[in-house]
PDB file of all heavy atoms in Angstrom:
ATOM      1  N   VAL A   1     147.138   8.031-169.306  1.00  0.00           N
ATOM      2  CA  VAL A   1     147.518   6.644-169.592  1.00  0.00           C
ATOM      3  C   VAL A   1     146.385   5.932-170.338  1.00  0.00           C
ATOM      4  O   VAL A   1     146.637   5.205-171.312  1.00  0.00           O
ATOM      5  CB  VAL A   1     147.900   5.883-168.302  1.00  0.00           C
ATOM      6  CG1 VAL A   1     148.077   4.394-168.564  1.00  0.00           C
ATOM      7  CG2 VAL A   1     149.175   6.469-167.705  1.00  0.00           C
ATOM      8  N   GLY A   2     145.153   6.151-169.934  1.00  0.00           N
ATOM      9  CA  GLY A   2     144.018   5.552-170.623  1.00  0.00           C
ATOM     10  C   GLY A   2     143.901   6.044-172.063  1.00  0.00           C
ATOM     11  O   GLY A   2     143.633   5.260-172.988  1.00  0.00           O
ATOM     12  N   SER A   3     144.116   7.340-172.260  1.00  0.00           N
ATOM     13  CA  SER A   3     144.094   7.908-173.610  1.00  0.00           C
ATOM     14  C   SER A   3     145.208   7.318-174.462  1.00  0.00           C
ATOM     15  O   SER A   3     145.016   7.029-175.650  1.00  0.00           O
ATOM     16  CB  SER A   3     144.245   9.431-173.554  1.00  0.00           C
ATOM     17  OG  SER A   3     143.164  10.014-172.887  1.00  0.00           O
ATOM     18  N   SER A   4     146.362   7.121-173.855  1.00  0.00           N
ATOM     19  CA  SER A   4     147.489   6.535-174.577  1.00  0.00           C
ATOM     20  C   SER A   4     147.213   5.081-174.940  1.00  0.00           C
ATOM     21  O   SER A   4     147.541   4.649-176.049  1.00  0.00           O
ATOM     22  CB  SER A   4     148.768   6.638-173.746  1.00  0.00           C
ATOM     23  OG  SER A   4     149.116   7.994-173.589  1.00  0.00           O
ATOM     24  N   ALA A   5     146.613   4.342-174.032  1.00  0.00           N
ATOM     25  CA  ALA A   5     146.262   2.952-174.323  1.00  0.00           C
ATOM     26  C   ALA A   5     145.232   2.900-175.458  1.00  0.00           C
ATOM     27  O   ALA A   5     145.338   2.064-176.367  1.00  0.00           O
ATOM     28  CB  ALA A   5     145.720   2.267-173.072  1.00  0.00           C
ATOM     29  N   ALA A   6     144.251   3.799-175.427  1.00  0.00           N
ATOM     30  CA  ALA A   6     143.253   3.861-176.492  1.00  0.00           C
ATOM     31  C   ALA A   6     143.913   4.221-177.823  1.00  0.00           C
ATOM     32  O   ALA A   6     143.574   3.656-178.868  1.00  0.00           O
ATOM     33  CB  ALA A   6     142.169   4.876-176.142  1.00  0.00           C
ATOM     34  N   SER A   7     144.874   5.122-177.779  1.00  0.00           N
ATOM     35  CA  SER A   7     145.600   5.514-178.991  1.00  0.00           C
ATOM     36  C   SER A   7     146.366   4.329-179.577  1.00  0.00           C
ATOM     37  O   SER A   7     146.372   4.123-180.791  1.00  0.00           O
ATOM     38  CB  SER A   7     146.564   6.662-178.671  1.00  0.00           C
ATOM     39  OG  SER A   7     147.361   6.972-179.782  1.00  0.00           O
ATOM     40  N   VAL A   8     146.992   3.554-178.715  1.00  0.00           N
ATOM     41  CA  VAL A   8     147.732   2.375-179.174  1.00  0.00           C
ATOM     42  C   VAL A   8     146.776   1.348-179.784  1.00  0.00           C
ATOM     43  O   VAL A   8     147.037   0.809-180.864  1.00  0.00           O
ATOM     44  CB  VAL A   8     148.550   1.742-178.019  1.00  0.00           C
ATOM     45  CG1 VAL A   8     149.078   0.368-178.396  1.00  0.00           C
ATOM     46  CG2 VAL A   8     149.696   2.667-177.622  1.00  0.00           C
ATOM     47  N   LEU A   9     145.654   1.104-179.124  1.00  0.00           N
ATOM     48  CA  LEU A   9     144.685   0.133-179.653  1.00  0.00           C
ATOM     49  C   LEU A   9     144.134   0.589-181.001  1.00  0.00           C
ATOM     50  O   LEU A   9     143.997  -0.211-181.929  1.00  0.00           O
ATOM     51  CB  LEU A   9     143.551  -0.087-178.651  1.00  0.00           C
ATOM     52  CG  LEU A   9     143.932  -0.831-177.378  1.00  0.00           C
ATOM     53  CD1 LEU A   9     142.759  -0.849-176.400  1.00  0.00           C
ATOM     54  CD2 LEU A   9     144.384  -2.243-177.705  1.00  0.00           C
ATOM     55  N   TYR A  10     143.839   1.885-181.129  1.00  0.00           N
ATOM     56  CA  TYR A  10     143.322   2.388-182.399  1.00  0.00           C
ATOM     57  C   TYR A  10     144.410   2.353-183.475  1.00  0.00           C
ATOM     58  O   TYR A  10     144.119   2.074-184.639  1.00  0.00           O
ATOM     59  CB  TYR A  10     142.750   3.801-182.238  1.00  0.00           C
ATOM     60  CG  TYR A  10     141.843   4.164-183.377  1.00  0.00           C
ATOM     61  CD1 TYR A  10     140.654   3.470-183.582  1.00  0.00           C
ATOM     62  CD2 TYR A  10     142.173   5.173-184.265  1.00  0.00           C
ATOM     63  CE1 TYR A  10     139.824   3.772-184.650  1.00  0.00           C
ATOM     64  CE2 TYR A  10     141.344   5.485-185.327  1.00  0.00           C
ATOM     65  CZ  TYR A  10     140.166   4.791-185.517  1.00  0.00           C
ATOM     66  OH  TYR A  10     139.350   5.083-186.569  1.00  0.00           O
ATOM     67  N   SER A  11     145.648   2.596-183.087  1.00  0.00           N
ATOM     68  CA  SER A  11     146.761   2.501-184.033  1.00  0.00           C
ATOM     69  C   SER A  11     146.916   1.071-184.538  1.00  0.00           C
ATOM     70  O   SER A  11     147.193   0.854-185.725  1.00  0.00           O
ATOM     71  CB  SER A  11     148.063   2.959-183.375  1.00  0.00           C
ATOM     72  OG  SER A  11     148.023   4.343-183.109  1.00  0.00           O
ATOM     73  N   ILE A  12     146.737   0.094-183.657  1.00  0.00           N
ATOM     74  CA  ILE A  12     146.803  -1.315-184.065  1.00  0.00           C
ATOM     75  C   ILE A  12     145.690  -1.608-185.067  1.00  0.00           C
ATOM     76  O   ILE A  12     145.916  -2.258-186.093  1.00  0.00           O
ATOM     77  CB  ILE A  12     146.726  -2.254-182.835  1.00  0.00           C
ATOM     78  CG1 ILE A  12     147.998  -2.129-182.006  1.00  0.00           C
ATOM     79  CG2 ILE A  12     146.479  -3.692-183.262  1.00  0.00           C
ATOM     80  CD1 ILE A  12     147.915  -2.791-180.632  1.00  0.00           C
ATOM     81  N   TYR A  13     144.496  -1.114-184.777  1.00  0.00           N
ATOM     82  CA  TYR A  13     143.371  -1.294-185.697  1.00  0.00           C
ATOM     83  C   TYR A  13     143.686  -0.690-187.068  1.00  0.00           C
ATOM     84  O   TYR A  13     143.499  -1.337-188.102  1.00  0.00           O
ATOM     85  CB  TYR A  13     142.104  -0.668-185.106  1.00  0.00           C
ATOM     86  CG  TYR A  13     141.011  -0.464-186.118  1.00  0.00           C
ATOM     87  CD1 TYR A  13     140.275  -1.539-186.619  1.00  0.00           C
ATOM     88  CD2 TYR A  13     140.711   0.818-186.591  1.00  0.00           C
ATOM     89  CE1 TYR A  13     139.280  -1.349-187.561  1.00  0.00           C
ATOM     90  CE2 TYR A  13     139.717   1.011-187.535  1.00  0.00           C
ATOM     91  CZ  TYR A  13     139.002  -0.073-188.012  1.00  0.00           C
ATOM     92  OH  TYR A  13     138.022   0.126-188.957  1.00  0.00           O
ATOM     93  N   LEU A  14     144.170   0.559-187.077  1.00  0.00           N
ATOM     94  CA  LEU A  14     144.456   1.231-188.353  1.00  0.00           C
ATOM     95  C   LEU A  14     145.609   0.562-189.103  1.00  0.00           C
ATOM     96  O   LEU A  14     145.605   0.514-190.336  1.00  0.00           O
ATOM     97  CB  LEU A  14     144.742   2.712-188.126  1.00  0.00           C
ATOM     98  CG  LEU A  14     143.524   3.547-187.718  1.00  0.00           C
ATOM     99  CD1 LEU A  14     143.943   4.980-187.407  1.00  0.00           C
ATOM    100  CD2 LEU A  14     142.446   3.515-188.785  1.00  0.00           C
ATOM    101  N   THR A  15     146.574   0.028-188.392  1.00  0.00           N
ATOM    102  CA  THR A  15     147.653  -0.713-189.037  1.00  0.00           C
ATOM    103  C   THR A  15     147.097  -1.989-189.672  1.00  0.00           C
ATOM    104  O   THR A  15     147.492  -2.361-190.778  1.00  0.00           O
ATOM    105  CB  THR A  15     148.772  -1.034-188.025  1.00  0.00           C
ATOM    106  OG1 THR A  15     149.266   0.196-187.479  1.00  0.00           O
ATOM    107  CG2 THR A  15     149.912  -1.798-188.676  1.00  0.00           C
ATOM    108  N   GLY A  16     146.178  -2.626-188.978  1.00  0.00           N
ATOM    109  CA  GLY A  16     145.505  -3.793-189.546  1.00  0.00           C
ATOM    110  C   GLY A  16     144.710  -3.448-190.798  1.00  0.00           C
ATOM    111  O   GLY A  16     144.697  -4.210-191.772  1.00  0.00           O
ATOM    112  N   VAL A  17     144.068  -2.294-190.796  1.00  0.00           N
ATOM    113  CA  VAL A  17     143.337  -1.833-191.976  1.00  0.00           C
ATOM    114  C   VAL A  17     144.301  -1.656-193.145  1.00  0.00           C
ATOM    115  O   VAL A  17     144.009  -2.075-194.272  1.00  0.00           O
ATOM    116  CB  VAL A  17     142.575  -0.518-191.686  1.00  0.00           C
ATOM    117  CG1 VAL A  17     142.092   0.137-192.974  1.00  0.00           C
ATOM    118  CG2 VAL A  17     141.397  -0.781-190.750  1.00  0.00           C
ATOM    119  N   GLN A  18     145.451  -1.063-192.876  1.00  0.00           N
ATOM    120  CA  GLN A  18     146.449  -0.889-193.937  1.00  0.00           C
ATOM    121  C   GLN A  18     146.894  -2.245-194.490  1.00  0.00           C
ATOM    122  O   GLN A  18     146.985  -2.425-195.705  1.00  0.00           O
ATOM    123  CB  GLN A  18     147.676  -0.144-193.415  1.00  0.00           C
ATOM    124  CG  GLN A  18     147.450   1.319-193.142  1.00  0.00           C
ATOM    125  CD  GLN A  18     148.701   1.989-192.647  1.00  0.00           C
ATOM    126  OE1 GLN A  18     149.612   2.240-193.421  1.00  0.00           O
ATOM    127  NE2 GLN A  18     148.748   2.248-191.341  1.00  0.00           N
ATOM    128  N   ALA A  19     147.155  -3.173-193.596  1.00  0.00           N
ATOM    129  CA  ALA A  19     147.704  -4.465-194.006  1.00  0.00           C
ATOM    130  C   ALA A  19     146.676  -5.362-194.697  1.00  0.00           C
ATOM    131  O   ALA A  19     146.978  -5.979-195.724  1.00  0.00           O
ATOM    132  CB  ALA A  19     148.287  -5.193-192.797  1.00  0.00           C
ATOM    133  N   PHE A  20     145.471  -5.444-194.134  1.00  0.00           N
ATOM    134  CA  PHE A  20     144.525  -6.458-194.593  1.00  0.00           C
ATOM    135  C   PHE A  20     143.363  -5.933-195.436  1.00  0.00           C
ATOM    136  O   PHE A  20     142.798  -6.694-196.211  1.00  0.00           O
ATOM    137  CB  PHE A  20     143.977  -7.232-193.389  1.00  0.00           C
ATOM    138  CG  PHE A  20     145.054  -7.865-192.570  1.00  0.00           C
ATOM    139  CD1 PHE A  20     145.317  -7.431-191.281  1.00  0.00           C
ATOM    140  CD2 PHE A  20     145.840  -8.883-193.091  1.00  0.00           C
ATOM    141  CE1 PHE A  20     146.328  -8.010-190.517  1.00  0.00           C
ATOM    142  CE2 PHE A  20     146.853  -9.467-192.344  1.00  0.00           C
ATOM    143  CZ  PHE A  20     147.100  -9.026-191.059  1.00  0.00           C
ATOM    144  N   VAL A  21     143.020  -4.668-195.282  1.00  0.00           N
ATOM    145  CA  VAL A  21     141.889  -4.125-196.040  1.00  0.00           C
ATOM    146  C   VAL A  21     142.388  -3.335-197.246  1.00  0.00           C
ATOM    147  O   VAL A  21     142.050  -3.641-198.383  1.00  0.00           O
ATOM    148  CB  VAL A  21     140.984  -3.243-195.147  1.00  0.00           C
ATOM    149  CG1 VAL A  21     139.850  -2.629-195.950  1.00  0.00           C
ATOM    150  CG2 VAL A  21     140.434  -4.045-193.972  1.00  0.00           C
ATOM    151  N   LEU A  22     143.190  -2.307-196.978  1.00  0.00           N
ATOM    152  CA  LEU A  22     143.681  -1.458-198.064  1.00  0.00           C
ATOM    153  C   LEU A  22     144.839  -2.098-198.822  1.00  0.00           C
ATOM    154  O   LEU A  22     145.045  -1.812-199.995  1.00  0.00           O
ATOM    155  CB  LEU A  22     144.114  -0.091-197.510  1.00  0.00           C
ATOM    156  CG  LEU A  22     143.020   0.738-196.832  1.00  0.00           C
ATOM    157  CD1 LEU A  22     143.621   1.984-196.205  1.00  0.00           C
ATOM    158  CD2 LEU A  22     141.916   1.098-197.809  1.00  0.00           C
ATOM    159  N   LYS A  23     145.610  -2.911-198.100  1.00  0.00           N
ATOM    160  CA  LYS A  23     146.819  -3.525-198.669  1.00  0.00           C
ATOM    161  C   LYS A  23     147.760  -2.457-199.230  1.00  0.00           C
ATOM    162  O   LYS A  23     148.416  -2.643-200.247  1.00  0.00           O
ATOM    163  CB  LYS A  23     146.471  -4.564-199.725  1.00  0.00           C
ATOM    164  CG  LYS A  23     145.725  -5.752-199.151  1.00  0.00           C
ATOM    165  CD  LYS A  23     145.453  -6.791-200.205  1.00  0.00           C
ATOM    166  CE  LYS A  23     144.843  -8.037-199.733  1.00  0.00           C
ATOM    167  NZ  LYS A  23     143.787  -8.117-198.859  1.00  0.00           N
ATOM    168  N   LYS A  24     147.794  -1.335-198.530  1.00  0.00           N
ATOM    169  CA  LYS A  24     148.670  -0.207-198.854  1.00  0.00           C
ATOM    170  C   LYS A  24     149.202   0.341-197.543  1.00  0.00           C
ATOM    171  O   LYS A  24     148.587   0.181-196.496  1.00  0.00           O
ATOM    172  CB  LYS A  24     147.902   0.878-199.605  1.00  0.00           C
ATOM    173  CG  LYS A  24     147.405   0.399-200.937  1.00  0.00           C
ATOM    174  CD  LYS A  24     146.663   1.465-201.663  1.00  0.00           C
ATOM    175  CE  LYS A  24     146.169   0.818-202.947  1.00  0.00           C
ATOM    176  NZ  LYS A  24     145.669   1.689-203.901  1.00  0.00           N
ATOM    177  N   TRP A  25     150.351   0.984-197.629  1.00  0.00           N
ATOM    178  CA  TRP A  25     151.004   1.461-196.422  1.00  0.00           C
ATOM    179  C   TRP A  25     151.245   2.958-196.477  1.00  0.00           C
ATOM    180  O   TRP A  25     151.454   3.520-197.541  1.00  0.00           O
ATOM    181  CB  TRP A  25     152.339   0.736-196.222  1.00  0.00           C
ATOM    182  CG  TRP A  25     152.140  -0.708-195.929  1.00  0.00           C
ATOM    183  CD1 TRP A  25     152.212  -1.737-196.820  1.00  0.00           C
ATOM    184  CD2 TRP A  25     151.786  -1.288-194.676  1.00  0.00           C
ATOM    185  NE1 TRP A  25     151.938  -2.930-196.199  1.00  0.00           N
ATOM    186  CE2 TRP A  25     151.665  -2.681-194.876  1.00  0.00           C
ATOM    187  CE3 TRP A  25     151.556  -0.779-193.414  1.00  0.00           C
ATOM    188  CZ2 TRP A  25     151.338  -3.552-193.853  1.00  0.00           C
ATOM    189  CZ3 TRP A  25     151.227  -1.650-192.393  1.00  0.00           C
ATOM    190  CH2 TRP A  25     151.125  -3.022-192.612  1.00  0.00           C
ATOM    191  N   CYS A  26     151.235   3.563-195.310  1.00  0.00           N
ATOM    192  CA  CYS A  26     151.571   4.974-195.152  1.00  0.00           C
ATOM    193  C   CYS A  26     152.700   5.057-194.136  1.00  0.00           C
ATOM    194  O   CYS A  26     152.519   4.689-192.971  1.00  0.00           O
ATOM    195  CB  CYS A  26     150.357   5.762-194.677  1.00  0.00           C
ATOM    196  SG  CYS A  26     150.742   7.456-194.205  1.00  0.00           S
ATOM    197  N   ASP A  27     153.850   5.529-194.585  1.00  0.00           N
ATOM    198  CA  ASP A  27     155.014   5.635-193.697  1.00  0.00           C
ATOM    199  C   ASP A  27     154.710   6.493-192.476  1.00  0.00           C
ATOM    200  O   ASP A  27     155.094   6.165-191.353  1.00  0.00           O
ATOM    201  CB  ASP A  27     156.202   6.255-194.441  1.00  0.00           C
ATOM    202  CG  ASP A  27     156.635   5.448-195.640  1.00  0.00           C
ATOM    203  OD1 ASP A  27     156.257   4.270-195.742  1.00  0.00           O
ATOM    204  OD2 ASP A  27     157.363   6.004-196.487  1.00  0.00           O
ATOM    205  N   TYR A  28     154.020   7.595-192.698  1.00  0.00           N
ATOM    206  CA  TYR A  28     153.734   8.527-191.605  1.00  0.00           C
ATOM    207  C   TYR A  28     152.781   7.907-190.587  1.00  0.00           C
ATOM    208  O   TYR A  28     152.908   8.154-189.383  1.00  0.00           O
ATOM    209  CB  TYR A  28     153.161   9.829-192.164  1.00  0.00           C
ATOM    210  CG  TYR A  28     154.112  10.501-193.114  1.00  0.00           C
ATOM    211  CD1 TYR A  28     153.952  10.378-194.487  1.00  0.00           C
ATOM    212  CD2 TYR A  28     155.198  11.220-192.632  1.00  0.00           C
ATOM    213  CE1 TYR A  28     154.841  10.981-195.365  1.00  0.00           C
ATOM    214  CE2 TYR A  28     156.094  11.820-193.504  1.00  0.00           C
ATOM    215  CZ  TYR A  28     155.914  11.697-194.863  1.00  0.00           C
ATOM    216  OH  TYR A  28     156.798  12.284-195.730  1.00  0.00           O
ATOM    217  N   CYS A  29     151.833   7.121-191.077  1.00  0.00           N
ATOM    218  CA  CYS A  29     150.901   6.449-190.170  1.00  0.00           C
ATOM    219  C   CYS A  29     151.646   5.452-189.283  1.00  0.00           C
ATOM    220  O   CYS A  29     151.353   5.333-188.087  1.00  0.00           O
ATOM    221  CB  CYS A  29     149.819   5.737-190.969  1.00  0.00           C
ATOM    222  SG  CYS A  29     148.870   6.833-192.039  1.00  0.00           S
ATOM    223  N   ILE A  30     152.600   4.768-189.867  1.00  0.00           N
ATOM    224  CA  ILE A  30     153.404   3.811-189.098  1.00  0.00           C
ATOM    225  C   ILE A  30     154.254   4.539-188.063  1.00  0.00           C
ATOM    226  O   ILE A  30     154.357   4.107-186.910  1.00  0.00           O
ATOM    227  CB  ILE A  30     154.285   2.948-190.035  1.00  0.00           C
ATOM    228  CG1 ILE A  30     153.414   2.146-191.014  1.00  0.00           C
ATOM    229  CG2 ILE A  30     155.218   2.051-189.249  1.00  0.00           C
ATOM    230  CD1 ILE A  30     152.412   1.218-190.368  1.00  0.00           C
ATOM    231  N   VAL A  31     154.839   5.671-188.452  1.00  0.00           N
ATOM    232  CA  VAL A  31     155.622   6.469-187.499  1.00  0.00           C
ATOM    233  C   VAL A  31     154.734   6.928-186.354  1.00  0.00           C
ATOM    234  O   VAL A  31     155.124   6.859-185.181  1.00  0.00           O
ATOM    235  CB  VAL A  31     156.301   7.674-188.196  1.00  0.00           C
ATOM    236  CG1 VAL A  31     156.861   8.658-187.178  1.00  0.00           C
ATOM    237  CG2 VAL A  31     157.389   7.203-189.139  1.00  0.00           C
ATOM    238  N   SER A  32     153.522   7.371-186.675  1.00  0.00           N
ATOM    239  CA  SER A  32     152.595   7.803-185.626  1.00  0.00           C
ATOM    240  C   SER A  32     152.224   6.641-184.708  1.00  0.00           C
ATOM    241  O   SER A  32     152.152   6.812-183.481  1.00  0.00           O
ATOM    242  CB  SER A  32     151.336   8.403-186.252  1.00  0.00           C
ATOM    243  OG  SER A  32     150.465   8.867-185.248  1.00  0.00           O
ATOM    244  N   SER A  33     152.009   5.467-185.271  1.00  0.00           N
ATOM    245  CA  SER A  33     151.681   4.291-184.459  1.00  0.00           C
ATOM    246  C   SER A  33     152.824   3.921-183.517  1.00  0.00           C
ATOM    247  O   SER A  33     152.603   3.662-182.333  1.00  0.00           O
ATOM    248  CB  SER A  33     151.358   3.091-185.359  1.00  0.00           C
ATOM    249  OG  SER A  33     150.200   3.322-186.097  1.00  0.00           O
ATOM    250  N   ILE A  34     154.025   3.926-184.040  1.00  0.00           N
ATOM    251  CA  ILE A  34     155.201   3.619-183.210  1.00  0.00           C
ATOM    252  C   ILE A  34     155.369   4.672-182.123  1.00  0.00           C
ATOM    253  O   ILE A  34     155.643   4.347-180.959  1.00  0.00           O
ATOM    254  CB  ILE A  34     156.467   3.491-184.087  1.00  0.00           C
ATOM    255  CG1 ILE A  34     156.360   2.243-184.970  1.00  0.00           C
ATOM    256  CG2 ILE A  34     157.729   3.456-183.225  1.00  0.00           C
ATOM    257  CD1 ILE A  34     157.405   2.160-186.062  1.00  0.00           C
ATOM    258  N   THR A  35     155.162   5.918-182.483  1.00  0.00           N
ATOM    259  CA  THR A  35     155.272   7.011-181.509  1.00  0.00           C
ATOM    260  C   THR A  35     154.241   6.840-180.404  1.00  0.00           C
ATOM    261  O   THR A  35     154.543   7.027-179.216  1.00  0.00           O
ATOM    262  CB  THR A  35     155.087   8.373-182.209  1.00  0.00           C
ATOM    263  OG1 THR A  35     156.059   8.498-183.248  1.00  0.00           O
ATOM    264  CG2 THR A  35     155.247   9.524-181.228  1.00  0.00           C
ATOM    265  N   SER A  36     153.036   6.445-180.772  1.00  0.00           N
ATOM    266  CA  SER A  36     151.977   6.226-179.792  1.00  0.00           C
ATOM    267  C   SER A  36     152.351   5.118-178.811  1.00  0.00           C
ATOM    268  O   SER A  36     152.145   5.251-177.598  1.00  0.00           O
ATOM    269  CB  SER A  36     150.676   5.886-180.530  1.00  0.00           C
ATOM    270  OG  SER A  36     149.622   5.734-179.651  1.00  0.00           O
ATOM    271  N   VAL A  37     152.916   4.050-179.322  1.00  0.00           N
ATOM    272  CA  VAL A  37     153.358   2.948-178.462  1.00  0.00           C
ATOM    273  C   VAL A  37     154.459   3.415-177.524  1.00  0.00           C
ATOM    274  O   VAL A  37     154.448   3.131-176.323  1.00  0.00           O
ATOM    275  CB  VAL A  37     153.832   1.737-179.301  1.00  0.00           C
ATOM    276  CG1 VAL A  37     154.535   0.699-178.440  1.00  0.00           C
ATOM    277  CG2 VAL A  37     152.660   1.109-180.035  1.00  0.00           C
TER     278      VAL A  37
END
Protein backbone atom coordinates (compact mmCIF):
# COMPACT_ATOMS: atom_id res chain seq x y z
CA VAL A 1 0.00 0.00 0.00
CA GLY A 2 2.85 2.39 0.79
CA SER A 3 4.54 1.59 -2.52
CA SER A 4 1.25 2.18 -4.31
CA ALA A 5 0.75 5.52 -2.57
CA ALA A 6 4.30 6.52 -3.54
CA SER A 7 3.59 5.45 -7.12
CA VAL A 8 0.46 7.60 -7.22
CA LEU A 9 2.30 10.62 -5.79
CA TYR A 10 5.13 10.23 -8.30
CA SER A 11 2.59 9.80 -11.11
CA ILE A 12 0.96 13.09 -10.06
CA TYR A 13 4.38 14.75 -10.14
CA LEU A 14 5.17 13.37 -13.61
CA THR A 15 1.74 14.39 -14.90
CA GLY A 16 2.45 17.88 -13.62
CA VAL A 17 5.78 17.84 -15.45
CA GLN A 18 3.96 16.93 -18.66
CA ALA A 19 1.39 19.67 -18.18
CA PHE A 20 3.47 22.56 -16.87
CA VAL A 21 7.11 21.93 -17.77
CA LEU A 22 7.18 19.95 -21.01
CA LYS A 23 3.74 21.07 -22.17
CA LYS A 24 3.56 17.74 -24.02
CA TRP A 25 1.61 14.61 -23.30
CA CYS A 26 2.27 10.89 -23.42
CA ASP A 27 -0.83 8.71 -23.70
CA TYR A 28 0.97 5.72 -22.20
CA CYS A 29 2.20 7.75 -19.24
CA ILE A 30 -1.36 8.84 -18.53
CA VAL A 31 -2.58 5.23 -18.77
CA SER A 32 0.14 4.19 -16.33
CA SER A 33 -0.83 7.00 -13.94
CA ILE A 34 -4.50 6.02 -14.04
CA THR A 35 -3.57 2.38 -13.56
CA SER A 36 -1.47 3.30 -10.54
CA VAL A 37 -4.38 5.16 -8.97
